[in-house]
């Protein structure tokens, strides 16, 4: 699992902030989008947008499956700082 924030620095109250959480594994069960905890000085503008992907690799003796689930929220700062 990884979490990314963009922009990494320099967000202002007019700059949208994108929070992306990506989960990867050999299989991912149905996951309900988590609720974000109360965020100090940030409002949730939208989200989560969800995206899932599955891929199969066939090699000599068998197949291997990978899966990923990506959740993205758009946040906005309540003020500068």
C-alpha atoms as a PDB file:
ATOM      1  CA  UNK A   1       0.000   0.000   0.000  1.00  0.00           C
ATOM      2  CA  UNK A   2       1.203   3.502  -0.713  1.00  0.00           C
ATOM      3  CA  UNK A   3      -0.210   6.969  -0.174  1.00  0.00           C
ATOM      4  CA  UNK A   4       0.724   9.986  -2.277  1.00  0.00           C
ATOM      5  CA  UNK A   5      -0.085  13.674  -1.865  1.00  0.00           C
ATOM      6  CA  UNK A   6       0.172  16.162  -4.708  1.00  0.00           C
ATOM      7  CA  UNK A   7       1.417  18.847  -4.614  1.00  0.00           C
ATOM      8  CA  UNK A   8       3.957  17.648  -2.058  1.00  0.00           C
ATOM      9  CA  UNK A   9       4.671  21.220  -0.920  1.00  0.00           C
ATOM     10  CA  UNK A  10       3.310  24.687  -1.314  1.00  0.00           C
ATOM     11  CA  UNK A  11      -0.450  24.128  -1.238  1.00  0.00           C
ATOM     12  CA  UNK A  12      -2.575  27.184  -0.556  1.00  0.00           C
ATOM     13  CA  UNK A  13      -6.282  27.639   0.113  1.00  0.00           C
ATOM     14  CA  UNK A  14      -6.808  27.903  -3.668  1.00  0.00           C
ATOM     15  CA  UNK A  15      -4.690  24.871  -4.640  1.00  0.00           C
ATOM     16  CA  UNK A  16      -6.499  21.541  -4.857  1.00  0.00           C
ATOM     17  CA  UNK A  17      -4.668  18.764  -3.035  1.00  0.00           C
ATOM     18  CA  UNK A  18      -4.889  15.226  -4.395  1.00  0.00           C
ATOM     19  CA  UNK A  19      -4.618  12.355  -1.903  1.00  0.00           C
ATOM     20  CA  UNK A  20      -4.139   8.970  -3.581  1.00  0.00           C
ATOM     21  CA  UNK A  21      -4.066   5.613  -1.808  1.00  0.00           C
ATOM     22  CA  UNK A  22      -3.013   2.595  -3.870  1.00  0.00           C
ATOM     23  CA  UNK A  23      -3.297  -1.022  -2.717  1.00  0.00           C
ATOM     24  CA  UNK A  24      -1.567  -3.809  -4.661  1.00  0.00           C
ATOM     25  CA  UNK A  25      -1.507  -7.577  -4.276  1.00  0.00           C
ATOM     26  CA  UNK A  26      -2.080 -10.925  -5.921  1.00  0.00           C
ATOM     27  CA  UNK A  27      -5.797 -10.464  -5.303  1.00  0.00           C
ATOM     28  CA  UNK A  28      -7.809  -7.708  -3.721  1.00  0.00           C
ATOM     29  CA  UNK A  29     -11.236  -8.471  -2.276  1.00  0.00           C
ATOM     30  CA  UNK A  30     -14.101  -6.055  -2.652  1.00  0.00           C
ATOM     31  CA  UNK A  31     -13.120  -3.090  -0.523  1.00  0.00           C
ATOM     32  CA  UNK A  32     -15.484  -0.363   0.527  1.00  0.00           C
ATOM     33  CA  UNK A  33     -13.941   3.072   0.350  1.00  0.00           C
ATOM     34  CA  UNK A  34     -12.735   4.060   3.799  1.00  0.00           C
ATOM     35  CA  UNK A  35     -13.912   7.232   5.445  1.00  0.00           C
ATOM     36  CA  UNK A  36     -11.127   9.693   5.961  1.00  0.00           C
ATOM     37  CA  UNK A  37     -10.516  10.693   9.554  1.00  0.00           C
ATOM     38  CA  UNK A  38     -11.289  14.257  10.581  1.00  0.00           C
ATOM     39  CA  UNK A  39      -8.684  16.335   8.769  1.00  0.00           C
ATOM     40  CA  UNK A  40      -7.486  19.427  10.558  1.00  0.00           C
ATOM     41  CA  UNK A  41      -7.489  22.468   8.256  1.00  0.00           C
ATOM     42  CA  UNK A  42      -8.571  20.440   5.195  1.00  0.00           C
ATOM     43  CA  UNK A  43     -11.961  20.001   3.545  1.00  0.00           C
ATOM     44  CA  UNK A  44     -12.844  17.038   1.319  1.00  0.00           C
ATOM     45  CA  UNK A  45     -13.976  18.513  -2.006  1.00  0.00           C
ATOM     46  CA  UNK A  46     -14.677  15.195  -3.734  1.00  0.00           C
ATOM     47  CA  UNK A  47     -13.971  11.528  -3.595  1.00  0.00           C
ATOM     48  CA  UNK A  48     -13.032   8.978  -3.327  1.00  0.00           C
ATOM     49  CA  UNK A  49     -12.804   8.214  -7.012  1.00  0.00           C
ATOM     50  CA  UNK A  50     -11.995   4.531  -7.368  1.00  0.00           C
ATOM     51  CA  UNK A  51     -10.096   2.611 -10.003  1.00  0.00           C
ATOM     52  CA  UNK A  52      -9.221  -1.071 -10.083  1.00  0.00           C
ATOM     53  CA  UNK A  53      -6.974  -3.048 -12.360  1.00  0.00           C
ATOM     54  CA  UNK A  54      -6.172  -6.744 -12.771  1.00  0.00           C
ATOM     55  CA  UNK A  55      -3.467  -8.250 -14.928  1.00  0.00           C
ATOM     56  CA  UNK A  56      -2.312 -11.754 -15.718  1.00  0.00           C
ATOM     57  CA  UNK A  57       1.180 -12.854 -16.672  1.00  0.00           C
ATOM     58  CA  UNK A  58       1.561 -16.205 -18.380  1.00  0.00           C
ATOM     59  CA  UNK A  59       4.999 -17.749 -18.171  1.00  0.00           C
ATOM     60  CA  UNK A  60       6.246 -21.230 -19.053  1.00  0.00           C
ATOM     61  CA  UNK A  61       4.534 -23.174 -16.275  1.00  0.00           C
ATOM     62  CA  UNK A  62       1.539 -21.120 -15.216  1.00  0.00           C
ATOM     63  CA  UNK A  63      -0.109 -17.800 -14.695  1.00  0.00           C
ATOM     64  CA  UNK A  64       0.353 -15.076 -12.124  1.00  0.00           C
ATOM     65  CA  UNK A  65      -2.274 -12.468 -11.276  1.00  0.00           C
ATOM     66  CA  UNK A  66      -1.730  -8.991  -9.888  1.00  0.00           C
ATOM     67  CA  UNK A  67      -4.395  -6.548  -8.808  1.00  0.00           C
ATOM     68  CA  UNK A  68      -4.522  -2.934  -7.680  1.00  0.00           C
ATOM     69  CA  UNK A  69      -7.097  -0.613  -6.222  1.00  0.00           C
ATOM     70  CA  UNK A  70      -6.616   3.159  -6.305  1.00  0.00           C
ATOM     71  CA  UNK A  71      -8.669   5.623  -4.247  1.00  0.00           C
ATOM     72  CA  UNK A  72      -8.327   9.359  -4.883  1.00  0.00           C
ATOM     73  CA  UNK A  73      -9.710  12.293  -2.893  1.00  0.00           C
ATOM     74  CA  UNK A  74      -9.532  15.991  -3.747  1.00  0.00           C
ATOM     75  CA  UNK A  75      -8.910  18.158  -0.678  1.00  0.00           C
ATOM     76  CA  UNK A  76      -8.685  21.901  -0.159  1.00  0.00           C
ATOM     77  CA  UNK A  77      -6.895  23.756   2.604  1.00  0.00           C
ATOM     78  CA  UNK A  78      -9.102  25.882   4.858  1.00  0.00           C
ATOM     79  CA  UNK A  79      -6.424  28.542   4.912  1.00  0.00           C
ATOM     80  CA  UNK A  80      -2.730  29.109   4.461  1.00  0.00           C
ATOM     81  CA  UNK A  81      -0.178  27.560   6.751  1.00  0.00           C
END
